[in-house]
C-alpha atoms as a PDB file:
ATOM      1  CA  MET A   1     -96.870  12.037   2.453  1.00  0.00           C
ATOM      2  CA  LYS A   2     -94.605  12.470   5.378  1.00  0.00           C
ATOM      3  CA  PRO A   3     -90.900  13.042   4.731  1.00  0.00           C
ATOM      4  CA  MET A   4     -88.515  10.224   5.619  1.00  0.00           C
ATOM      5  CA  LEU A   5     -86.640  10.947   8.785  1.00  0.00           C
ATOM      6  CA  MET A   6     -82.892  10.011   8.936  1.00  0.00           C
ATOM      7  CA  SER A   7     -81.937   7.687  11.737  1.00  0.00           C
ATOM      8  CA  PRO A   8     -79.877   9.354  14.464  1.00  0.00           C
ATOM      9  CA  ARG A   9     -77.306   6.561  14.010  1.00  0.00           C
ATOM     10  CA  VAL A  10     -76.896   7.361  10.270  1.00  0.00           C
ATOM     11  CA  GLN A  11     -76.477  11.021  10.979  1.00  0.00           C
ATOM     12  CA  SER A  12     -73.798  10.587  13.679  1.00  0.00           C
ATOM     13  CA  GLY A  13     -70.000  11.033  12.877  1.00  0.00           C
ATOM     14  CA  PHE A  14     -66.789   9.955  14.637  1.00  0.00           C
ATOM     15  CA  GLY A  15     -66.758  10.598  18.281  1.00  0.00           C
ATOM     16  CA  LEU A  16     -63.712  12.016  20.149  1.00  0.00           C
ATOM     17  CA  VAL A  17     -62.922   8.604  21.616  1.00  0.00           C
ATOM     18  CA  GLU A  18     -63.004   6.982  18.199  1.00  0.00           C
ATOM     19  CA  LEU A  19     -60.711   9.673  16.777  1.00  0.00           C
ATOM     20  CA  MET A  20     -58.214   9.272  19.609  1.00  0.00           C
ATOM     21  CA  ILE A  21     -58.199   5.470  19.123  1.00  0.00           C
ATOM     22  CA  ALA A  22     -57.590   5.885  15.328  1.00  0.00           C
ATOM     23  CA  MET A  23     -54.772   8.375  15.940  1.00  0.00           C
ATOM     24  CA  THR A  24     -53.173   6.138  18.453  1.00  0.00           C
ATOM     25  CA  ILE A  25     -53.249   3.142  16.105  1.00  0.00           C
ATOM     26  CA  GLY A  26     -51.835   5.380  13.293  1.00  0.00           C
ATOM     27  CA  LEU A  27     -49.014   6.567  15.536  1.00  0.00           C
ATOM     28  CA  ILE A  28     -48.186   3.002  16.546  1.00  0.00           C
ATOM     29  CA  LEU A  29     -48.038   1.967  12.912  1.00  0.00           C
ATOM     30  CA  LEU A  30     -45.885   4.988  12.000  1.00  0.00           C
ATOM     31  CA  GLY A  31     -43.599   4.245  14.954  1.00  0.00           C
ATOM     32  CA  GLY A  32     -43.207   0.639  13.843  1.00  0.00           C
ATOM     33  CA  ILE A  33     -42.441   1.643  10.279  1.00  0.00           C
ATOM     34  CA  GLY A  34     -39.956   4.261  11.572  1.00  0.00           C
ATOM     35  CA  TYR A  35     -38.266   1.687  13.795  1.00  0.00           C
ATOM     36  CA  VAL A  36     -37.939  -0.799  10.948  1.00  0.00           C
ATOM     37  CA  PHE A  37     -36.590   1.990   8.676  1.00  0.00           C
ATOM     38  CA  LEU A  38     -34.000   3.153  11.200  1.00  0.00           C
ATOM     39  CA  GLY A  39     -32.929  -0.392  11.890  1.00  0.00           C
ATOM     40  CA  SER A  40     -32.577  -1.205   8.219  1.00  0.00           C
ATOM     41  CA  ARG A  41     -30.644   2.080   7.654  1.00  0.00           C
ATOM     42  CA  GLY A  42     -28.325   1.291  10.552  1.00  0.00           C
ATOM     43  CA  ALA A  43     -27.735  -2.250   9.295  1.00  0.00           C
ATOM     44  CA  PHE A  44     -26.995  -0.909   5.807  1.00  0.00           C
ATOM     45  CA  ARG A  45     -24.431   1.644   7.151  1.00  0.00           C
ATOM     46  CA  THR A  46     -22.742  -1.028   9.205  1.00  0.00           C
ATOM     47  CA  THR A  47     -22.580  -3.437   6.255  1.00  0.00           C
ATOM     48  CA  GLU A  48     -21.325  -0.765   3.893  1.00  0.00           C
ATOM     49  CA  ASN A  49     -18.615   0.411   6.263  1.00  0.00           C
ATOM     50  CA  LEU A  50     -17.473  -3.147   6.999  1.00  0.00           C
ATOM     51  CA  SER A  51     -17.251  -3.783   3.214  1.00  0.00           C
ATOM     52  CA  ARG A  52     -15.142  -0.607   2.794  1.00  0.00           C
ATOM     53  CA  ILE A  53     -12.827  -1.647   5.555  1.00  0.00           C
ATOM     54  CA  GLN A  54     -12.323  -5.129   4.074  1.00  0.00           C
ATOM     55  CA  GLU A  55     -11.863  -3.773   0.574  1.00  0.00           C
ATOM     56  CA  ASN A  56      -9.293  -1.225   1.683  1.00  0.00           C
ATOM     57  CA  ALA A  57      -7.371  -3.716   3.795  1.00  0.00           C
ATOM     58  CA  ARG A  58      -7.262  -6.352   1.034  1.00  0.00           C
ATOM     59  CA  TYR A  59      -5.964  -3.839  -1.514  1.00  0.00           C
ATOM     60  CA  ALA A  60      -3.360  -2.439   0.899  1.00  0.00           C
ATOM     61  CA  LEU A  61      -2.029  -5.883   1.764  1.00  0.00           C
ATOM     62  CA  ASP A  62      -1.989  -6.930  -1.895  1.00  0.00           C
ATOM     63  CA  VAL A  63       0.039  -3.937  -3.041  1.00  0.00           C
ATOM     64  CA  MET A  64       2.548  -4.200  -0.148  1.00  0.00           C
ATOM     65  CA  SER A  65       2.890  -7.962  -0.577  1.00  0.00           C
ATOM     66  CA  ARG A  66       3.879  -7.635  -4.248  1.00  0.00           C
ATOM     67  CA  ASP A  67       6.638  -5.147  -3.413  1.00  0.00           C
ATOM     68  CA  ILE A  68       7.884  -7.004  -0.326  1.00  0.00           C
ATOM     69  CA  ARG A  69       8.309 -10.203  -2.310  1.00  0.00           C
ATOM     70  CA  MET A  70      10.452  -8.396  -4.858  1.00  0.00           C
ATOM     71  CA  ALA A  71      12.697  -6.658  -2.350  1.00  0.00           C
ATOM     72  CA  GLY A  72      16.345  -7.039  -3.425  1.00  0.00           C
ATOM     73  CA  TYR A  73      15.414  -8.236  -6.938  1.00  0.00           C
ATOM     74  CA  VAL A  74      17.886  -7.057  -9.628  1.00  0.00           C
ATOM     75  CA  GLY A  75      16.587  -9.079 -12.573  1.00  0.00           C
ATOM     76  CA  CYS A  76      18.180 -12.441 -11.841  1.00  0.00           C
ATOM     77  CA  GLY A  77      18.055 -14.683  -8.858  1.00  0.00           C
ATOM     78  CA  ASN A  78      19.533 -13.771  -5.521  1.00  0.00           C
ATOM     79  CA  MET A  79      21.258 -10.432  -5.133  1.00  0.00           C
ATOM     80  CA  ALA A  80      24.197 -12.106  -3.394  1.00  0.00           C
ATOM     81  CA  SER A  81      24.893 -14.213  -6.473  1.00  0.00           C
ATOM     82  CA  ILE A  82      25.813 -11.352  -8.880  1.00  0.00           C
ATOM     83  CA  PRO A  83      27.824  -8.129  -8.503  1.00  0.00           C
ATOM     84  CA  VAL A  84      25.617  -5.017  -8.508  1.00  0.00           C
ATOM     85  CA  LYS A  85      27.050  -1.607  -9.119  1.00  0.00           C
ATOM     86  CA  THR A  86      25.235   1.635  -8.713  1.00  0.00           C
ATOM     87  CA  ILE A  87      26.489   4.328 -10.980  1.00  0.00           C
ATOM     88  CA  ALA A  88      23.508   6.680 -10.522  1.00  0.00           C
ATOM     89  CA  ASN A  89      24.317   9.623  -8.263  1.00  0.00           C
ATOM     90  CA  SER A  90      22.632  10.445  -4.975  1.00  0.00           C
ATOM     91  CA  PRO A  91      19.907  10.282  -3.804  1.00  0.00           C
ATOM     92  CA  VAL A  92      19.840   6.869  -5.516  1.00  0.00           C
ATOM     93  CA  PRO A  93      21.332   4.599  -2.802  1.00  0.00           C
ATOM     94  CA  ASP A  94      23.524   1.522  -3.422  1.00  0.00           C
ATOM     95  CA  ILE A  95      21.324  -1.537  -3.153  1.00  0.00           C
ATOM     96  CA  THR A  96      22.715  -3.881  -0.479  1.00  0.00           C
ATOM     97  CA  ALA A  97      21.522  -6.715   1.680  1.00  0.00           C
ATOM     98  CA  GLY A  98      21.121  -4.185   4.447  1.00  0.00           C
ATOM     99  CA  ASN A  99      18.859  -1.666   2.677  1.00  0.00           C
ATOM    100  CA  ALA A 100      16.952  -3.652   0.019  1.00  0.00           C
ATOM    101  CA  LEU A 101      14.348  -4.093   2.780  1.00  0.00           C
ATOM    102  CA  LYS A 102      14.426  -1.933   5.863  1.00  0.00           C
ATOM    103  CA  GLY A 103      11.901  -0.925   8.486  1.00  0.00           C
ATOM    104  CA  TYR A 104      11.720   1.996  10.812  1.00  0.00           C
ATOM    105  CA  ASP A 105      10.000   1.224  14.115  1.00  0.00           C
ATOM    106  CA  GLY A 106       7.655   4.058  14.954  1.00  0.00           C
ATOM    107  CA  GLY A 107       9.164   5.981  12.027  1.00  0.00           C
ATOM    108  CA  THR A 108      12.399   6.574  13.922  1.00  0.00           C
ATOM    109  CA  GLY A 109      15.312   7.267  11.571  1.00  0.00           C
ATOM    110  CA  TRP A 110      13.197   7.656   8.471  1.00  0.00           C
ATOM    111  CA  THR A 111      13.381  10.981   6.566  1.00  0.00           C
ATOM    112  CA  ASN A 112      10.015  11.908   5.142  1.00  0.00           C
ATOM    113  CA  PRO A 113      10.612  13.222   1.557  1.00  0.00           C
ATOM    114  CA  THR A 114       6.976  14.523   1.295  1.00  0.00           C
ATOM    115  CA  THR A 115       4.990  17.351   2.715  1.00  0.00           C
ATOM    116  CA  ILE A 116       2.474  14.859   4.129  1.00  0.00           C
ATOM    117  CA  THR A 117       2.293  14.660   7.897  1.00  0.00           C
ATOM    118  CA  ARG A 118       3.154  11.187   9.098  1.00  0.00           C
ATOM    119  CA  VAL A 119       1.068   9.724  11.876  1.00  0.00           C
ATOM    120  CA  ALA A 120       3.167   9.489  15.005  1.00  0.00           C
ATOM    121  CA  ASN A 121       4.279   6.090  16.349  1.00  0.00           C
ATOM    122  CA  THR A 122       3.326   4.267  13.092  1.00  0.00           C
ATOM    123  CA  ASP A 123       5.944   2.121  11.382  1.00  0.00           C
ATOM    124  CA  VAL A 124       7.578   2.779   8.018  1.00  0.00           C
ATOM    125  CA  LEU A 125       8.850   0.118   5.579  1.00  0.00           C
ATOM    126  CA  SER A 126      11.190   0.758   2.601  1.00  0.00           C
ATOM    127  CA  VAL A 127      11.772  -1.864  -0.130  1.00  0.00           C
ATOM    128  CA  MET A 128      14.182  -1.534  -3.029  1.00  0.00           C
ATOM    129  CA  GLY A 129      14.383  -3.607  -6.145  1.00  0.00           C
ATOM    130  CA  ALA A 130      13.549  -4.019  -9.807  1.00  0.00           C
ATOM    131  CA  PHE A 131       9.827  -3.840 -10.426  1.00  0.00           C
ATOM    132  CA  GLY A 132       7.956  -4.742 -13.584  1.00  0.00           C
ATOM    133  CA  SER A 133       9.149  -6.585 -16.688  1.00  0.00           C
ATOM    134  CA  GLY A 134      12.388  -6.303 -18.638  1.00  0.00           C
ATOM    135  CA  VAL A 135      13.309  -5.405 -22.214  1.00  0.00           C
ATOM    136  CA  ASN A 136      16.225  -6.959 -24.031  1.00  0.00           C
ATOM    137  CA  LEU A 137      19.051  -4.758 -25.324  1.00  0.00           C
ATOM    138  CA  THR A 138      19.723  -4.348 -29.022  1.00  0.00           C
ATOM    139  CA  GLY A 139      22.597  -1.878 -29.365  1.00  0.00           C
ATOM    140  CA  ASN A 140      25.532   0.028 -27.795  1.00  0.00           C
ATOM    141  CA  LEU A 141      26.404  -2.871 -25.645  1.00  0.00           C
ATOM    142  CA  ALA A 142      30.037  -2.133 -24.815  1.00  0.00           C
ATOM    143  CA  PRO A 143      30.790  -0.641 -21.360  1.00  0.00           C
ATOM    144  CA  SER A 144      32.450   2.384 -22.853  1.00  0.00           C
ATOM    145  CA  ASN A 145      29.171   3.629 -24.267  1.00  0.00           C
ATOM    146  CA  ALA A 146      27.215   6.096 -22.167  1.00  0.00           C
ATOM    147  CA  ASN A 147      23.918   4.709 -23.433  1.00  0.00           C
ATOM    148  CA  ILE A 148      22.080   1.504 -24.238  1.00  0.00           C
ATOM    149  CA  GLN A 149      19.440   0.805 -26.863  1.00  0.00           C
ATOM    150  CA  ILE A 150      16.213  -1.196 -27.027  1.00  0.00           C
ATOM    151  CA  ASN A 151      13.568  -1.790 -29.653  1.00  0.00           C
ATOM    152  CA  GLY A 152      10.535   0.304 -28.746  1.00  0.00           C
ATOM    153  CA  ASN A 153       9.716   1.480 -25.228  1.00  0.00           C
ATOM    154  CA  PRO A 154       6.837  -0.777 -24.031  1.00  0.00           C
ATOM    155  CA  TYR A 155       7.224   0.199 -20.336  1.00  0.00           C
ATOM    156  CA  GLU A 156       7.481   3.922 -20.983  1.00  0.00           C
ATOM    157  CA  PHE A 157      10.912   4.589 -19.558  1.00  0.00           C
ATOM    158  CA  VAL A 158      11.415   8.357 -19.279  1.00  0.00           C
ATOM    159  CA  GLN A 159      14.175  10.843 -18.382  1.00  0.00           C
ATOM    160  CA  GLY A 160      14.976  10.587 -14.669  1.00  0.00           C
ATOM    161  CA  ASP A 161      13.964   6.950 -14.312  1.00  0.00           C
ATOM    162  CA  VAL A 162      16.363   4.705 -12.386  1.00  0.00           C
ATOM    163  CA  LEU A 163      16.970   1.466 -14.305  1.00  0.00           C
ATOM    164  CA  VAL A 164      18.996  -1.704 -13.823  1.00  0.00           C
ATOM    165  CA  VAL A 165      20.644  -3.472 -16.715  1.00  0.00           C
ATOM    166  CA  THR A 166      21.701  -7.096 -16.137  1.00  0.00           C
ATOM    167  CA  ASN A 167      22.726 -10.292 -17.860  1.00  0.00           C
ATOM    168  CA  CYS A 168      22.502 -12.442 -14.695  1.00  0.00           C
ATOM    169  CA  VAL A 169      26.269 -12.218 -14.349  1.00  0.00           C
ATOM    170  CA  ASN A 170      26.560  -8.547 -13.542  1.00  0.00           C
ATOM    171  CA  ALA A 171      24.100  -5.722 -12.927  1.00  0.00           C
ATOM    172  CA  ASP A 172      24.384  -1.888 -13.130  1.00  0.00           C
ATOM    173  CA  ILE A 173      21.968   0.692 -11.793  1.00  0.00           C
ATOM    174  CA  PHE A 174      21.859   4.001 -13.635  1.00  0.00           C
ATOM    175  CA  LYS A 175      19.646   7.046 -14.136  1.00  0.00           C
ATOM    176  CA  VAL A 176      18.261   7.923 -17.601  1.00  0.00           C
ATOM    177  CA  THR A 177      19.546  11.357 -18.642  1.00  0.00           C
ATOM    178  CA  ASN A 178      17.821  11.835 -22.040  1.00  0.00           C
ATOM    179  CA  ASN A 179      14.275  11.637 -23.392  1.00  0.00           C
ATOM    180  CA  PRO A 180      14.260   8.043 -24.719  1.00  0.00           C
ATOM    181  CA  GLY A 181      11.251   8.315 -27.013  1.00  0.00           C
ATOM    182  CA  SER A 182       8.558   5.745 -27.483  1.00  0.00           C
ATOM    183  CA  SER A 183       9.138   3.820 -30.762  1.00  0.00           C
ATOM    184  CA  GLY A 184      11.780   2.505 -33.085  1.00  0.00           C
ATOM    185  CA  LEU A 185      15.319   2.097 -31.855  1.00  0.00           C
ATOM    186  CA  VAL A 186      15.184   3.761 -28.422  1.00  0.00           C
ATOM    187  CA  THR A 187      18.387   5.119 -26.851  1.00  0.00           C
ATOM    188  CA  MET A 188      18.665   5.560 -23.107  1.00  0.00           C
ATOM    189  CA  ALA A 189      21.707   7.603 -22.072  1.00  0.00           C
ATOM    190  CA  HIS A 190      23.310   7.640 -18.618  1.00  0.00           C
ATOM    191  CA  ALA A 191      25.557  10.653 -18.890  1.00  0.00           C
ATOM    192  CA  SER A 192      27.999  11.732 -16.223  1.00  0.00           C
ATOM    193  CA  GLY A 193      25.797  14.594 -14.980  1.00  0.00           C
ATOM    194  CA  SER A 194      23.589  12.125 -13.116  1.00  0.00           C
ATOM    195  CA  ASN A 195      25.895   9.070 -13.084  1.00  0.00           C
ATOM    196  CA  THR A 196      29.381   8.344 -11.942  1.00  0.00           C
ATOM    197  CA  GLY A 197      31.770   5.760 -13.338  1.00  0.00           C
ATOM    198  CA  ASN A 198      31.467   3.024 -15.986  1.00  0.00           C
ATOM    199  CA  ARG A 199      29.240  -0.042 -15.933  1.00  0.00           C
ATOM    200  CA  VAL A 200      30.695  -3.111 -14.355  1.00  0.00           C
ATOM    201  CA  GLY A 201      29.161  -5.455 -16.881  1.00  0.00           C
ATOM    202  CA  THR A 202      29.679  -6.177 -20.597  1.00  0.00           C
ATOM    203  CA  TYR A 203      26.224  -6.711 -21.979  1.00  0.00           C
ATOM    204  CA  GLY A 204      25.115  -8.527 -25.100  1.00  0.00           C
ATOM    205  CA  PRO A 205      21.667  -9.123 -26.584  1.00  0.00           C
ATOM    206  CA  ASP A 206      20.889 -11.569 -23.732  1.00  0.00           C
ATOM    207  CA  ALA A 207      20.924  -8.658 -21.289  1.00  0.00           C
ATOM    208  CA  PHE A 208      17.776  -6.716 -20.347  1.00  0.00           C
ATOM    209  CA  VAL A 209      16.751  -3.510 -18.616  1.00  0.00           C
ATOM    210  CA  MET A 210      14.173  -2.991 -15.900  1.00  0.00           C
ATOM    211  CA  ARG A 211      12.816  -0.101 -13.848  1.00  0.00           C
ATOM    212  CA  MET A 212      14.399   0.193 -10.400  1.00  0.00           C
ATOM    213  CA  SER A 213      12.873   1.962  -7.434  1.00  0.00           C
ATOM    214  CA  GLN A 214      12.706   2.207  -3.689  1.00  0.00           C
ATOM    215  CA  TYR A 215       9.164   2.331  -2.251  1.00  0.00           C
ATOM    216  CA  SER A 216       8.494   3.593   1.296  1.00  0.00           C
ATOM    217  CA  TYR A 217       5.166   2.818   2.911  1.00  0.00           C
ATOM    218  CA  PHE A 218       3.874   5.096   5.693  1.00  0.00           C
ATOM    219  CA  ILE A 219       0.649   6.369   7.316  1.00  0.00           C
ATOM    220  CA  GLY A 220      -0.021  10.023   6.702  1.00  0.00           C
ATOM    221  CA  ILE A 221      -2.864  12.479   7.076  1.00  0.00           C
ATOM    222  CA  ASN A 222      -4.685  13.240   3.798  1.00  0.00           C
ATOM    223  CA  THR A 223      -6.345  16.460   2.732  1.00  0.00           C
ATOM    224  CA  ALA A 224      -9.607  15.321   4.320  1.00  0.00           C
ATOM    225  CA  GLY A 225      -7.904  14.881   7.652  1.00  0.00           C
ATOM    226  CA  ASN A 226      -8.089  11.075   7.625  1.00  0.00           C
ATOM    227  CA  PRO A 227      -5.161   8.647   8.118  1.00  0.00           C
ATOM    228  CA  SER A 228      -4.212   6.990   4.874  1.00  0.00           C
ATOM    229  CA  LEU A 229      -1.582   4.534   3.592  1.00  0.00           C
ATOM    230  CA  TYR A 230       0.903   6.253   1.306  1.00  0.00           C
ATOM    231  CA  ARG A 231       3.674   4.938  -0.944  1.00  0.00           C
ATOM    232  CA  VAL A 232       6.512   7.243  -1.977  1.00  0.00           C
ATOM    233  CA  SER A 233       9.019   6.254  -4.630  1.00  0.00           C
ATOM    234  CA  LEU A 234      12.649   6.953  -5.149  1.00  0.00           C
ATOM    235  CA  SER A 235      11.752   9.804  -7.486  1.00  0.00           C
ATOM    236  CA  GLY A 236       9.571  11.414  -4.819  1.00  0.00           C
ATOM    237  CA  SER A 237       6.304  10.468  -6.500  1.00  0.00           C
ATOM    238  CA  THR A 238       3.675   9.924  -3.796  1.00  0.00           C
ATOM    239  CA  GLU A 239       0.537   7.835  -4.021  1.00  0.00           C
ATOM    240  CA  GLU A 240      -2.357   7.641  -1.563  1.00  0.00           C
ATOM    241  CA  LEU A 241      -3.189   3.953  -1.736  1.00  0.00           C
ATOM    242  CA  VAL A 242      -6.108   3.544   0.716  1.00  0.00           C
ATOM    243  CA  GLU A 243      -7.874   5.784   3.208  1.00  0.00           C
ATOM    244  CA  ASN A 244      -8.724   5.113   6.902  1.00  0.00           C
ATOM    245  CA  VAL A 245      -5.673   3.085   7.906  1.00  0.00           C
ATOM    246  CA  ARG A 246      -5.336   4.095  11.550  1.00  0.00           C
ATOM    247  CA  ASP A 247      -2.060   2.270  12.337  1.00  0.00           C
ATOM    248  CA  MET A 248       0.552   0.024  10.723  1.00  0.00           C
ATOM    249  CA  GLN A 249       3.153  -2.131  12.470  1.00  0.00           C
ATOM    250  CA  PHE A 250       5.693  -4.649  11.120  1.00  0.00           C
ATOM    251  CA  ARG A 251       7.353  -7.763  12.525  1.00  0.00           C
ATOM    252  CA  TYR A 252      10.176  -9.437  10.726  1.00  0.00           C
ATOM    253  CA  GLY A 253      11.148 -13.118  10.434  1.00  0.00           C
ATOM    254  CA  LEU A 254      14.911 -13.661  10.682  1.00  0.00           C
ATOM    255  CA  ASP A 255      17.025 -16.412   9.228  1.00  0.00           C
ATOM    256  CA  THR A 256      19.976 -16.337  11.603  1.00  0.00           C
ATOM    257  CA  ASP A 257      21.764 -19.474  10.280  1.00  0.00           C
ATOM    258  CA  ALA A 258      21.307 -18.982   6.514  1.00  0.00           C
ATOM    259  CA  ASP A 259      19.268 -22.183   6.040  1.00  0.00           C
ATOM    260  CA  GLY A 260      16.276 -20.469   4.418  1.00  0.00           C
ATOM    261  CA  ALA A 261      13.999 -20.882   7.389  1.00  0.00           C
ATOM    262  CA  VAL A 262      12.790 -18.323   9.927  1.00  0.00           C
ATOM    263  CA  ASP A 263      14.598 -18.802  13.265  1.00  0.00           C
ATOM    264  CA  ASP A 264      13.370 -15.711  15.170  1.00  0.00           C
ATOM    265  CA  PHE A 265      11.018 -12.773  14.981  1.00  0.00           C
ATOM    266  CA  SER A 266      11.650  -9.097  15.847  1.00  0.00           C
ATOM    267  CA  PRO A 267      10.116  -5.646  15.291  1.00  0.00           C
ATOM    268  CA  THR A 268      13.673  -4.236  15.216  1.00  0.00           C
ATOM    269  CA  PRO A 269      16.113  -6.571  13.541  1.00  0.00           C
ATOM    270  CA  GLY A 270      19.788  -5.898  14.195  1.00  0.00           C
ATOM    271  CA  ASN A 271      20.794  -7.349  10.842  1.00  0.00           C
ATOM    272  CA  TRP A 272      18.397  -6.507   8.001  1.00  0.00           C
ATOM    273  CA  ALA A 273      20.173  -8.920   5.682  1.00  0.00           C
ATOM    274  CA  GLN A 274      18.676 -11.761   7.742  1.00  0.00           C
ATOM    275  CA  VAL A 275      15.078 -10.745   7.070  1.00  0.00           C
ATOM    276  CA  VAL A 276      13.283 -13.383   5.057  1.00  0.00           C
ATOM    277  CA  SER A 277       9.643 -12.586   5.943  1.00  0.00           C
ATOM    278  CA  VAL A 278       7.576  -9.599   6.905  1.00  0.00           C
ATOM    279  CA  THR A 279       4.342  -9.624   8.921  1.00  0.00           C
ATOM    280  CA  VAL A 280       2.173  -6.620   8.169  1.00  0.00           C
ATOM    281  CA  ASN A 281      -0.387  -5.559  10.802  1.00  0.00           C
ATOM    282  CA  LEU A 282      -2.977  -2.994   9.830  1.00  0.00           C
ATOM    283  CA  LEU A 283      -5.616  -1.318  12.077  1.00  0.00           C
ATOM    284  CA  MET A 284      -8.398  -0.230   9.804  1.00  0.00           C
ATOM    285  CA  GLN A 285     -11.212   2.205  10.712  1.00  0.00           C
ATOM    286  CA  SER A 286     -14.610   2.710   9.133  1.00  0.00           C
ATOM    287  CA  PRO A 287     -15.135   5.813   6.934  1.00  0.00           C
ATOM    288  CA  ASP A 288     -18.150   6.881   8.995  1.00  0.00           C
ATOM    289  CA  ASP A 289     -18.408   7.730  12.703  1.00  0.00           C
ATOM    290  CA  ASN A 290     -21.298   6.776  15.004  1.00  0.00           C
ATOM    291  CA  ILE A 291     -21.540   3.285  13.623  1.00  0.00           C
ATOM    292  CA  SER A 292     -20.599   1.330  16.731  1.00  0.00           C
ATOM    293  CA  THR A 293     -22.852   1.400  19.785  1.00  0.00           C
ATOM    294  CA  SER A 294     -19.847   1.906  22.045  1.00  0.00           C
ATOM    295  CA  GLN A 295     -16.188   2.754  22.077  1.00  0.00           C
ATOM    296  CA  ALA A 296     -15.074  -0.866  22.179  1.00  0.00           C
ATOM    297  CA  PRO A 297     -11.319  -1.542  22.792  1.00  0.00           C
ATOM    298  CA  VAL A 298      -9.412  -3.455  20.098  1.00  0.00           C
ATOM    299  CA  THR A 299      -6.364  -5.647  20.568  1.00  0.00           C
ATOM    300  CA  PHE A 300      -3.669  -4.563  18.108  1.00  0.00           C
ATOM    301  CA  ASN A 301       0.044  -5.336  18.004  1.00  0.00           C
ATOM    302  CA  ASN A 302      -0.036  -7.014  21.435  1.00  0.00           C
ATOM    303  CA  ASP A 303      -1.564  -3.854  22.932  1.00  0.00           C
ATOM    304  CA  THR A 304      -4.991  -2.410  23.594  1.00  0.00           C
ATOM    305  CA  PHE A 305      -6.276   0.315  21.353  1.00  0.00           C
ATOM    306  CA  THR A 306      -9.232   2.279  22.845  1.00  0.00           C
ATOM    307  CA  PRO A 307     -10.969   4.467  20.308  1.00  0.00           C
ATOM    308  CA  THR A 308     -12.181   7.954  21.129  1.00  0.00           C
ATOM    309  CA  ASP A 309     -14.994   7.778  18.585  1.00  0.00           C
ATOM    310  CA  ARG A 310     -17.694   5.262  17.566  1.00  0.00           C
ATOM    311  CA  ARG A 311     -16.194   4.078  14.288  1.00  0.00           C
ATOM    312  CA  LEU A 312     -15.760   0.400  13.485  1.00  0.00           C
ATOM    313  CA  TYR A 313     -12.206  -0.882  13.887  1.00  0.00           C
ATOM    314  CA  GLN A 314     -10.742  -4.188  12.532  1.00  0.00           C
ATOM    315  CA  VAL A 315      -7.264  -5.682  12.538  1.00  0.00           C
ATOM    316  CA  TYR A 316      -5.818  -7.329   9.456  1.00  0.00           C
ATOM    317  CA  SER A 317      -2.510  -9.220   9.223  1.00  0.00           C
ATOM    318  CA  ALA A 318      -0.499 -10.965   6.503  1.00  0.00           C
ATOM    319  CA  THR A 319       2.923 -12.641   6.491  1.00  0.00           C
ATOM    320  CA  ILE A 320       4.897 -12.255   3.242  1.00  0.00           C
ATOM    321  CA  GLY A 321       7.993 -14.181   2.332  1.00  0.00           C
ATOM    322  CA  VAL A 322      10.839 -12.305   0.662  1.00  0.00           C
ATOM    323  CA  ARG A 323      11.460 -14.316  -2.474  1.00  0.00           C
ATOM    324  CA  ASN A 324      14.775 -12.721  -3.225  1.00  0.00           C
ATOM    325  CA  ARG A 325      16.578 -13.666  -0.029  1.00  0.00           C
ATOM    326  CA  LEU A 326      18.969 -11.024   1.125  1.00  0.00           C
ATOM    327  CA  SER A 327      21.689 -13.495   1.984  1.00  0.00           C
ATOM    328  CA  ALA A 328      23.018 -16.443  -0.009  1.00  0.00           C
ATOM    329  CA  MET A 329      21.063 -19.649   0.672  1.00  0.00           C
END
């Protein structure tokens, strides 16, 4: 019996040409997969950075809007309708129609109380007023007393806080000089070491006390080297609100005839008591570089900003009305 011979076709393997064709097809498939992956990754980075920009801008405008609306608020109505006396010593300023809301074009004239480097040519805005809710008084209501009393301490007033006490007829701004405590009958002293003079008002149980502050908004460089929006309070406490705010500019609506309507706009008002609205302009940048395909110019504050990197840049604006008008309506 003769052995079965294998066919030459069955015994043959891949030829060189077949291997090259298979490798070429594989490389094409890998290239296509890589292209789709890189495109998807780029789209994801772009979407993520745009979301971060929008989130930061929305939060920044929301925080500033709340404070701007309350500028000049001393617990009751318009500041011009009740006498306000500041007995707290410097650096607590008297609150007036001229400084309850005040801007500094390009930062000129503003003294930076922090160690954070402010970004040159960016605007600064300071707003002063009573922020938060009030607590009614319960004791030591005569002006001769150097303290007032409340039940409990729901808003955690502490030593060194600047407070305003008002009954909508008069208002006094003072600095707390003792540790008030947190429960029971809470006494808040305003001794002469940090305060000067007596209160202007005689307060009964209808009066209430609120926290007073002056917040200044500016763009500074954070520890990571990025421009950020900061808020510094009257006490010197500094908060980094949002990162990657490249520039901030303000424009003010002026009521020049005291009719409650905006008559003119200016980046540098001559009379800050006439300011009844504030337009906030923010130039936001993406957290990551090399997102944009080119260094595309952006129109900001009636000028052209040309980036030196390939971050994404977007402009956000909001106009906020000052509820507590700085002049009598």
